[in-house]
C-alpha atoms as a PDB file:
ATOM      1  CA  UNK A   1     -29.187 116.087 220.787  1.00  0.00           C
ATOM      2  CA  UNK A   2     -30.458 119.104 218.920  1.00  0.00           C
ATOM      3  CA  UNK A   3     -32.020 119.121 215.402  1.00  0.00           C
ATOM      4  CA  UNK A   4     -29.563 119.491 212.828  1.00  0.00           C
ATOM      5  CA  UNK A   5     -29.402 122.464 210.362  1.00  0.00           C
ATOM      6  CA  UNK A   6     -28.614 122.509 206.679  1.00  0.00           C
ATOM      7  CA  UNK A   7     -25.065 123.362 207.547  1.00  0.00           C
ATOM      8  CA  UNK A   8     -24.818 120.349 209.714  1.00  0.00           C
ATOM      9  CA  UNK A   9     -26.171 118.070 207.197  1.00  0.00           C
ATOM     10  CA  UNK A  10     -23.794 119.578 204.617  1.00  0.00           C
ATOM     11  CA  UNK A  11     -20.858 118.993 207.083  1.00  0.00           C
ATOM     12  CA  UNK A  12     -21.584 115.271 207.352  1.00  0.00           C
ATOM     13  CA  UNK A  13     -21.122 114.713 203.587  1.00  0.00           C
ATOM     14  CA  UNK A  14     -18.228 112.290 203.275  1.00  0.00           C
ATOM     15  CA  UNK A  15     -18.108 111.721 206.929  1.00  0.00           C
ATOM     16  CA  UNK A  16     -20.860 109.212 207.402  1.00  0.00           C
ATOM     17  CA  UNK A  17     -24.037 107.784 205.582  1.00  0.00           C
ATOM     18  CA  UNK A  18     -27.210 109.457 206.748  1.00  0.00           C
ATOM     19  CA  UNK A  19     -30.403 107.412 207.248  1.00  0.00           C
ATOM     20  CA  UNK A  20     -33.817 108.704 205.826  1.00  0.00           C
ATOM     21  CA  UNK A  21     -37.280 107.526 205.977  1.00  0.00           C
ATOM     22  CA  UNK A  22     -40.492 108.512 204.268  1.00  0.00           C
ATOM     23  CA  UNK A  23     -43.145 108.367 206.879  1.00  0.00           C
ATOM     24  CA  UNK A  24     -46.909 109.143 206.937  1.00  0.00           C
ATOM     25  CA  UNK A  25     -48.133 109.194 210.434  1.00  0.00           C
ATOM     26  CA  UNK A  26     -47.052 110.787 213.874  1.00  0.00           C
ATOM     27  CA  UNK A  27     -46.471 107.262 215.229  1.00  0.00           C
ATOM     28  CA  UNK A  28     -43.902 106.499 212.415  1.00  0.00           C
ATOM     29  CA  UNK A  29     -42.321 109.946 212.884  1.00  0.00           C
ATOM     30  CA  UNK A  30     -41.866 109.435 216.526  1.00  0.00           C
ATOM     31  CA  UNK A  31     -40.629 105.888 216.205  1.00  0.00           C
ATOM     32  CA  UNK A  32     -38.007 107.105 213.693  1.00  0.00           C
ATOM     33  CA  UNK A  33     -36.929 109.832 216.031  1.00  0.00           C
ATOM     34  CA  UNK A  34     -36.538 107.401 218.922  1.00  0.00           C
ATOM     35  CA  UNK A  35     -34.609 105.024 216.727  1.00  0.00           C
ATOM     36  CA  UNK A  36     -32.098 107.876 215.821  1.00  0.00           C
ATOM     37  CA  UNK A  37     -33.051 108.159 212.100  1.00  0.00           C
ATOM     38  CA  UNK A  38     -31.262 111.365 210.727  1.00  0.00           C
ATOM     39  CA  UNK A  39     -33.864 112.655 208.198  1.00  0.00           C
ATOM     40  CA  UNK A  40     -37.468 112.281 207.405  1.00  0.00           C
ATOM     41  CA  UNK A  41     -39.465 112.880 204.339  1.00  0.00           C
ATOM     42  CA  UNK A  42     -43.063 113.951 204.999  1.00  0.00           C
ATOM     43  CA  UNK A  43     -45.440 115.203 202.257  1.00  0.00           C
ATOM     44  CA  UNK A  44     -47.084 118.685 202.711  1.00  0.00           C
ATOM     45  CA  UNK A  45     -50.764 117.378 203.106  1.00  0.00           C
ATOM     46  CA  UNK A  46     -49.927 115.514 206.213  1.00  0.00           C
ATOM     47  CA  UNK A  47     -47.130 118.053 207.459  1.00  0.00           C
ATOM     48  CA  UNK A  48     -48.647 119.503 210.728  1.00  0.00           C
ATOM     49  CA  UNK A  49     -47.462 120.896 214.131  1.00  0.00           C
ATOM     50  CA  UNK A  50     -48.390 117.391 215.450  1.00  0.00           C
ATOM     51  CA  UNK A  51     -46.001 115.745 212.870  1.00  0.00           C
ATOM     52  CA  UNK A  52     -43.243 118.345 213.577  1.00  0.00           C
ATOM     53  CA  UNK A  53     -43.477 117.438 217.448  1.00  0.00           C
ATOM     54  CA  UNK A  54     -43.533 113.709 216.669  1.00  0.00           C
ATOM     55  CA  UNK A  55     -40.381 114.101 214.569  1.00  0.00           C
ATOM     56  CA  UNK A  56     -38.424 115.231 217.384  1.00  0.00           C
ATOM     57  CA  UNK A  57     -34.736 115.869 216.373  1.00  0.00           C
ATOM     58  CA  UNK A  58     -35.063 114.565 212.930  1.00  0.00           C
ATOM     59  CA  UNK A  59     -34.274 116.784 210.056  1.00  0.00           C
ATOM     60  CA  UNK A  60     -37.370 117.023 207.968  1.00  0.00           C
ATOM     61  CA  UNK A  61     -37.889 117.391 204.216  1.00  0.00           C
ATOM     62  CA  UNK A  62     -41.286 118.452 203.363  1.00  0.00           C
ATOM     63  CA  UNK A  63     -42.595 117.263 200.049  1.00  0.00           C
ATOM     64  CA  UNK A  64     -44.351 120.007 197.813  1.00  0.00           C
ATOM     65  CA  UNK A  65     -46.512 117.945 195.626  1.00  0.00           C
ATOM     66  CA  UNK A  66     -45.733 118.267 191.775  1.00  0.00           C
ATOM     67  CA  UNK A  67     -48.893 118.766 189.904  1.00  0.00           C
ATOM     68  CA  UNK A  68     -50.826 120.078 192.920  1.00  0.00           C
ATOM     69  CA  UNK A  69     -48.694 123.261 192.947  1.00  0.00           C
ATOM     70  CA  UNK A  70     -48.082 124.730 189.493  1.00  0.00           C
ATOM     71  CA  UNK A  71     -46.656 128.368 189.447  1.00  0.00           C
ATOM     72  CA  UNK A  72     -43.581 129.648 191.215  1.00  0.00           C
ATOM     73  CA  UNK A  73     -45.837 131.650 193.469  1.00  0.00           C
ATOM     74  CA  UNK A  74     -47.720 128.466 194.507  1.00  0.00           C
ATOM     75  CA  UNK A  75     -44.554 126.775 195.405  1.00  0.00           C
ATOM     76  CA  UNK A  76     -43.174 129.918 197.218  1.00  0.00           C
ATOM     77  CA  UNK A  77     -46.356 130.271 199.308  1.00  0.00           C
ATOM     78  CA  UNK A  78     -46.459 126.547 200.144  1.00  0.00           C
ATOM     79  CA  UNK A  79     -42.645 126.452 200.842  1.00  0.00           C
ATOM     80  CA  UNK A  80     -42.850 129.396 203.429  1.00  0.00           C
ATOM     81  CA  UNK A  81     -45.899 127.937 205.014  1.00  0.00           C
ATOM     82  CA  UNK A  82     -44.376 124.419 205.687  1.00  0.00           C
ATOM     83  CA  UNK A  83     -41.066 126.106 206.750  1.00  0.00           C
ATOM     84  CA  UNK A  84     -43.011 128.244 209.423  1.00  0.00           C
ATOM     85  CA  UNK A  85     -44.451 124.726 210.764  1.00  0.00           C
ATOM     86  CA  UNK A  86     -40.940 123.709 211.196  1.00  0.00           C
ATOM     87  CA  UNK A  87     -39.756 122.022 208.084  1.00  0.00           C
ATOM     88  CA  UNK A  88     -36.019 121.998 207.609  1.00  0.00           C
ATOM     89  CA  UNK A  89     -36.162 121.893 203.800  1.00  0.00           C
ATOM     90  CA  UNK A  90     -38.553 121.289 200.951  1.00  0.00           C
ATOM     91  CA  UNK A  91     -38.676 118.766 198.267  1.00  0.00           C
ATOM     92  CA  UNK A  92     -39.505 120.179 194.704  1.00  0.00           C
ATOM     93  CA  UNK A  93     -39.583 118.344 191.368  1.00  0.00           C
ATOM     94  CA  UNK A  94     -40.694 121.381 189.489  1.00  0.00           C
ATOM     95  CA  UNK A  95     -38.680 123.361 186.911  1.00  0.00           C
ATOM     96  CA  UNK A  96     -35.207 124.650 187.462  1.00  0.00           C
ATOM     97  CA  UNK A  97     -36.655 128.166 187.391  1.00  0.00           C
ATOM     98  CA  UNK A  98     -38.951 127.252 190.353  1.00  0.00           C
ATOM     99  CA  UNK A  99     -36.154 125.612 192.233  1.00  0.00           C
ATOM    100  CA  UNK A 100     -34.044 128.871 191.748  1.00  0.00           C
ATOM    101  CA  UNK A 101     -36.862 131.077 192.974  1.00  0.00           C
ATOM    102  CA  UNK A 102     -37.177 128.985 196.086  1.00  0.00           C
ATOM    103  CA  UNK A 103     -33.427 129.005 196.676  1.00  0.00           C
ATOM    104  CA  UNK A 104     -33.066 132.607 195.888  1.00  0.00           C
ATOM    105  CA  UNK A 105     -35.717 133.202 198.640  1.00  0.00           C
ATOM    106  CA  UNK A 106     -33.585 131.396 201.156  1.00  0.00           C
ATOM    107  CA  UNK A 107     -35.595 128.186 201.255  1.00  0.00           C
ATOM    108  CA  UNK A 108     -33.402 125.059 201.285  1.00  0.00           C
ATOM    109  CA  UNK A 109     -34.562 122.802 198.294  1.00  0.00           C
ATOM    110  CA  UNK A 110     -34.092 119.122 197.537  1.00  0.00           C
ATOM    111  CA  UNK A 111     -34.912 118.090 194.037  1.00  0.00           C
ATOM    112  CA  UNK A 112     -34.879 114.694 192.237  1.00  0.00           C
ATOM    113  CA  UNK A 113     -32.588 112.979 189.738  1.00  0.00           C
ATOM    114  CA  UNK A 114     -32.360 109.570 188.119  1.00  0.00           C
ATOM    115  CA  UNK A 115     -35.843 107.878 188.180  1.00  0.00           C
ATOM    116  CA  UNK A 116     -38.183 110.720 188.923  1.00  0.00           C
ATOM    117  CA  UNK A 117     -41.703 109.091 189.486  1.00  0.00           C
ATOM    118  CA  UNK A 118     -43.632 112.068 188.388  1.00  0.00           C
ATOM    119  CA  UNK A 119     -41.786 112.473 185.146  1.00  0.00           C
ATOM    120  CA  UNK A 120     -40.881 108.863 184.568  1.00  0.00           C
ATOM    121  CA  UNK A 121     -42.349 108.848 181.110  1.00  0.00           C
ATOM    122  CA  UNK A 122     -39.223 110.816 179.923  1.00  0.00           C
ATOM    123  CA  UNK A 123     -36.900 107.978 180.958  1.00  0.00           C
ATOM    124  CA  UNK A 124     -39.013 104.956 179.934  1.00  0.00           C
ATOM    125  CA  UNK A 125     -41.386 104.399 182.813  1.00  0.00           C
ATOM    126  CA  UNK A 126     -40.517 102.815 186.246  1.00  0.00           C
ATOM    127  CA  UNK A 127     -37.114 101.364 185.515  1.00  0.00           C
ATOM    128  CA  UNK A 128     -33.552 102.078 186.306  1.00  0.00           C
ATOM    129  CA  UNK A 129     -31.855 105.150 184.827  1.00  0.00           C
ATOM    130  CA  UNK A 130     -28.198 105.517 184.073  1.00  0.00           C
ATOM    131  CA  UNK A 131     -27.350 102.062 182.840  1.00  0.00           C
ATOM    132  CA  UNK A 132     -25.700 103.462 179.730  1.00  0.00           C
ATOM    133  CA  UNK A 133     -22.745 106.098 179.625  1.00  0.00           C
ATOM    134  CA  UNK A 134     -25.111 108.659 177.873  1.00  0.00           C
ATOM    135  CA  UNK A 135     -27.944 108.103 180.411  1.00  0.00           C
ATOM    136  CA  UNK A 136     -25.578 108.216 183.414  1.00  0.00           C
ATOM    137  CA  UNK A 137     -24.130 111.536 181.864  1.00  0.00           C
ATOM    138  CA  UNK A 138     -27.676 112.977 181.549  1.00  0.00           C
ATOM    139  CA  UNK A 139     -28.135 112.389 185.387  1.00  0.00           C
ATOM    140  CA  UNK A 140     -24.871 113.957 186.080  1.00  0.00           C
ATOM    141  CA  UNK A 141     -25.773 116.980 183.865  1.00  0.00           C
ATOM    142  CA  UNK A 142     -29.042 117.258 185.778  1.00  0.00           C
ATOM    143  CA  UNK A 143     -27.073 117.355 189.038  1.00  0.00           C
ATOM    144  CA  UNK A 144     -24.831 120.186 187.798  1.00  0.00           C
ATOM    145  CA  UNK A 145     -27.989 122.105 186.733  1.00  0.00           C
ATOM    146  CA  UNK A 146     -29.326 121.719 190.404  1.00  0.00           C
ATOM    147  CA  UNK A 147     -26.073 122.930 191.684  1.00  0.00           C
ATOM    148  CA  UNK A 148     -26.203 126.031 189.428  1.00  0.00           C
ATOM    149  CA  UNK A 149     -29.759 127.017 190.647  1.00  0.00           C
ATOM    150  CA  UNK A 150     -28.964 126.659 194.280  1.00  0.00           C
ATOM    151  CA  UNK A 151     -30.441 123.297 195.275  1.00  0.00           C
ATOM    152  CA  UNK A 152     -29.320 121.893 198.606  1.00  0.00           C
ATOM    153  CA  UNK A 153     -29.652 118.197 197.747  1.00  0.00           C
ATOM    154  CA  UNK A 154     -31.298 115.728 195.533  1.00  0.00           C
ATOM    155  CA  UNK A 155     -33.032 112.424 195.646  1.00  0.00           C
ATOM    156  CA  UNK A 156     -31.055 110.011 193.636  1.00  0.00           C
ATOM    157  CA  UNK A 157     -33.355 107.132 192.600  1.00  0.00           C
ATOM    158  CA  UNK A 158     -32.574 103.794 190.983  1.00  0.00           C
ATOM    159  CA  UNK A 159     -29.206 104.305 189.340  1.00  0.00           C
ATOM    160  CA  UNK A 160     -26.400 101.738 189.076  1.00  0.00           C
ATOM    161  CA  UNK A 161     -24.432 101.852 192.339  1.00  0.00           C
ATOM    162  CA  UNK A 162     -21.024 102.804 190.638  1.00  0.00           C
ATOM    163  CA  UNK A 163     -22.851 105.817 188.874  1.00  0.00           C
ATOM    164  CA  UNK A 164     -24.395 106.772 192.227  1.00  0.00           C
ATOM    165  CA  UNK A 165     -21.116 106.693 194.030  1.00  0.00           C
ATOM    166  CA  UNK A 166     -19.234 108.751 191.355  1.00  0.00           C
ATOM    167  CA  UNK A 167     -22.012 111.325 191.193  1.00  0.00           C
ATOM    168  CA  UNK A 168     -22.250 111.786 194.997  1.00  0.00           C
ATOM    169  CA  UNK A 169     -18.600 112.261 195.484  1.00  0.00           C
ATOM    170  CA  UNK A 170     -18.224 114.750 192.744  1.00  0.00           C
ATOM    171  CA  UNK A 171     -21.092 117.167 193.820  1.00  0.00           C
ATOM    172  CA  UNK A 172     -21.513 119.317 196.856  1.00  0.00           C
ATOM    173  CA  UNK A 173     -25.202 118.379 196.847  1.00  0.00           C
ATOM    174  CA  UNK A 174     -26.431 115.918 199.490  1.00  0.00           C
ATOM    175  CA  UNK A 175     -27.419 112.948 197.453  1.00  0.00           C
ATOM    176  CA  UNK A 176     -30.319 111.012 198.977  1.00  0.00           C
ATOM    177  CA  UNK A 177     -29.892 107.566 197.626  1.00  0.00           C
ATOM    178  CA  UNK A 178     -32.839 105.395 196.957  1.00  0.00           C
ATOM    179  CA  UNK A 179     -31.671 102.170 195.172  1.00  0.00           C
ATOM    180  CA  UNK A 180     -28.448 104.054 194.239  1.00  0.00           C
ATOM    181  CA  UNK A 181     -25.872 101.869 196.173  1.00  0.00           C
ATOM    182  CA  UNK A 182     -23.905 102.567 199.141  1.00  0.00           C
ATOM    183  CA  UNK A 183     -22.019 105.496 197.726  1.00  0.00           C
ATOM    184  CA  UNK A 184     -24.789 108.008 198.216  1.00  0.00           C
ATOM    185  CA  UNK A 185     -24.796 110.411 201.123  1.00  0.00           C
ATOM    186  CA  UNK A 186     -28.050 108.810 202.573  1.00  0.00           C
ATOM    187  CA  UNK A 187     -29.776 105.586 202.466  1.00  0.00           C
ATOM    188  CA  UNK A 188     -33.584 106.553 202.044  1.00  0.00           C
ATOM    189  CA  UNK A 189     -36.395 103.973 202.368  1.00  0.00           C
ATOM    190  CA  UNK A 190     -40.152 104.146 202.795  1.00  0.00           C
ATOM    191  CA  UNK A 191     -41.429 103.098 206.311  1.00  0.00           C
ATOM    192  CA  UNK A 192     -44.158 101.062 204.636  1.00  0.00           C
ATOM    193  CA  UNK A 193     -41.480  98.891 203.058  1.00  0.00           C
ATOM    194  CA  UNK A 194     -39.302  98.638 206.208  1.00  0.00           C
ATOM    195  CA  UNK A 195     -42.534  97.563 208.153  1.00  0.00           C
ATOM    196  CA  UNK A 196     -43.620  95.095 205.478  1.00  0.00           C
ATOM    197  CA  UNK A 197     -46.851  96.806 204.571  1.00  0.00           C
ATOM    198  CA  UNK A 198     -46.089  97.905 201.151  1.00  0.00           C
ATOM    199  CA  UNK A 199     -48.935  98.934 198.929  1.00  0.00           C
ATOM    200  CA  UNK A 200     -48.551  98.044 195.387  1.00  0.00           C
ATOM    201  CA  UNK A 201     -45.038  97.233 193.765  1.00  0.00           C
ATOM    202  CA  UNK A 202     -42.288  96.619 196.183  1.00  0.00           C
ATOM    203  CA  UNK A 203     -38.987  98.017 194.644  1.00  0.00           C
ATOM    204  CA  UNK A 204     -35.789  96.243 194.259  1.00  0.00           C
ATOM    205  CA  UNK A 205     -33.996  98.322 196.864  1.00  0.00           C
ATOM    206  CA  UNK A 206     -36.782  97.902 199.557  1.00  0.00           C
ATOM    207  CA  UNK A 207     -35.771  95.890 202.619  1.00  0.00           C
ATOM    208  CA  UNK A 208     -38.425  94.583 205.056  1.00  0.00           C
ATOM    209  CA  UNK A 209     -37.390  94.514 208.716  1.00  0.00           C
ATOM    210  CA  UNK A 210     -40.889  93.674 210.368  1.00  0.00           C
ATOM    211  CA  UNK A 211     -44.198  92.084 209.185  1.00  0.00           C
ATOM    212  CA  UNK A 212     -46.840  94.749 210.037  1.00  0.00           C
ATOM    213  CA  UNK A 213     -49.133  93.406 207.270  1.00  0.00           C
ATOM    214  CA  UNK A 214     -49.404  90.194 209.140  1.00  0.00           C
ATOM    215  CA  UNK A 215     -49.995  92.125 212.323  1.00  0.00           C
ATOM    216  CA  UNK A 216     -52.657  94.163 210.818  1.00  0.00           C
ATOM    217  CA  UNK A 217     -54.288  91.211 209.536  1.00  0.00           C
ATOM    218  CA  UNK A 218     -54.181  89.465 212.848  1.00  0.00           C
ATOM    219  CA  UNK A 219     -55.657  92.608 214.473  1.00  0.00           C
ATOM    220  CA  UNK A 220     -58.320  92.994 211.887  1.00  0.00           C
ATOM    221  CA  UNK A 221     -59.399  89.315 212.683  1.00  0.00           C
ATOM    222  CA  UNK A 222     -59.401  90.178 216.378  1.00  0.00           C
ATOM    223  CA  UNK A 223     -61.442  93.202 215.742  1.00  0.00           C
ATOM    224  CA  UNK A 224     -63.960  91.224 213.853  1.00  0.00           C
ATOM    225  CA  UNK A 225     -64.154  88.615 216.631  1.00  0.00           C
ATOM    226  CA  UNK A 226     -64.452  91.278 219.284  1.00  0.00           C
ATOM    227  CA  UNK A 227     -67.416  92.898 217.399  1.00  0.00           C
ATOM    228  CA  UNK A 228     -69.079  89.493 216.829  1.00  0.00           C
ATOM    229  CA  UNK A 229     -68.709  88.718 220.569  1.00  0.00           C
ATOM    230  CA  UNK A 230     -70.383  92.070 221.378  1.00  0.00           C
ATOM    231  CA  UNK A 231     -73.304  91.379 218.969  1.00  0.00           C
ATOM    232  CA  UNK A 232     -73.632  87.849 220.590  1.00  0.00           C
ATOM    233  CA  UNK A 233     -73.708  89.321 224.130  1.00  0.00           C
ATOM    234  CA  UNK A 234     -76.512  91.738 223.236  1.00  0.00           C
ATOM    235  CA  UNK A 235     -78.547  88.947 221.500  1.00  0.00           C
ATOM    236  CA  UNK A 236     -78.142  86.614 224.580  1.00  0.00           C
ATOM    237  CA  UNK A 237     -78.700  89.338 227.084  1.00  0.00           C
ATOM    238  CA  UNK A 238     -75.172  89.065 228.732  1.00  0.00           C
ATOM    239  CA  UNK A 239     -74.537  92.680 227.837  1.00  0.00           C
ATOM    240  CA  UNK A 240     -75.192  95.081 229.594  1.00  0.00           C
ATOM    241  CA  UNK A 241     -74.394  93.201 232.912  1.00  0.00           C
ATOM    242  CA  UNK A 242     -75.204  94.772 236.251  1.00  0.00           C
ATOM    243  CA  UNK A 243     -71.684  96.145 236.400  1.00  0.00           C
ATOM    244  CA  UNK A 244     -72.406  98.191 233.346  1.00  0.00           C
ATOM    245  CA  UNK A 245     -75.659 100.041 234.536  1.00  0.00           C
ATOM    246  CA  UNK A 246     -76.327 102.913 236.830  1.00  0.00           C
ATOM    247  CA  UNK A 247     -78.301 101.681 240.047  1.00  0.00           C
ATOM    248  CA  UNK A 248     -81.107 103.693 241.685  1.00  0.00           C
ATOM    249  CA  UNK A 249     -82.399 103.116 245.255  1.00  0.00           C
ATOM    250  CA  UNK A 250     -85.672 101.218 245.503  1.00  0.00           C
ATOM    251  CA  UNK A 251     -87.573 103.951 247.345  1.00  0.00           C
ATOM    252  CA  UNK A 252     -86.520 106.545 244.843  1.00  0.00           C
ATOM    253  CA  UNK A 253     -87.495 104.205 241.965  1.00  0.00           C
ATOM    254  CA  UNK A 254     -90.907 103.624 243.489  1.00  0.00           C
ATOM    255  CA  UNK A 255     -91.462 107.392 243.866  1.00  0.00           C
ATOM    256  CA  UNK A 256     -90.512 107.696 240.304  1.00  0.00           C
ATOM    257  CA  UNK A 257     -93.009 105.048 239.247  1.00  0.00           C
ATOM    258  CA  UNK A 258     -95.765 106.780 241.353  1.00  0.00           C
ATOM    259  CA  UNK A 259     -95.003 110.056 239.681  1.00  0.00           C
ATOM    260  CA  UNK A 260     -95.377 108.444 236.246  1.00  0.00           C
END
């Protein structure tokens, strides 16, 4: 398998549903690659050559952080830097003008529609968007605007499944569904939710496949126990044992003492 290009991802629209994970560590990226996950989302602060290597043949969307970057030049410089490390596209939740500037410069851009966490105050906070005809049409109009400025795709977050399906089939954009039903072009989850170590609120669309939180708790108990046993061994004289020290010949030691 070779790493897919933007053209490859576009060609898969309507052919099969892609899988996508938000990962934060090289171990998570490597596990996703080995498991055959199609796409990864990795934020710029943790995007490194090590992460690129760990991600293997996964197509990687690198998140440019809204609010950390402000001007179009900020975004352009950051986008080219992360692409040089091996990013396959960038995520940008900034203005349509900024998205257009990136696209005009040849950078594949994914933006965001529906519930946009960084702008959720405009849609009433962290809740579903598109539950009324007017709200659903507003999401659709946003998608059309992204088409016009040259975006490659958009995260489609927390909209009714039927709305998500209709939008996805009517746009050439790759719609990365997060809580948007089975009709989106990709199913996108956070690795922390999949692994059962969610921090804070667990969204409705999250599905847990393993109990890493329980494992981490068990490992922490084992860590404390091991450290306590080490302390007890030092207190009792059990550590260091003869196997842990460097020996010296008696004659050499006697000479050392005489010289002292």
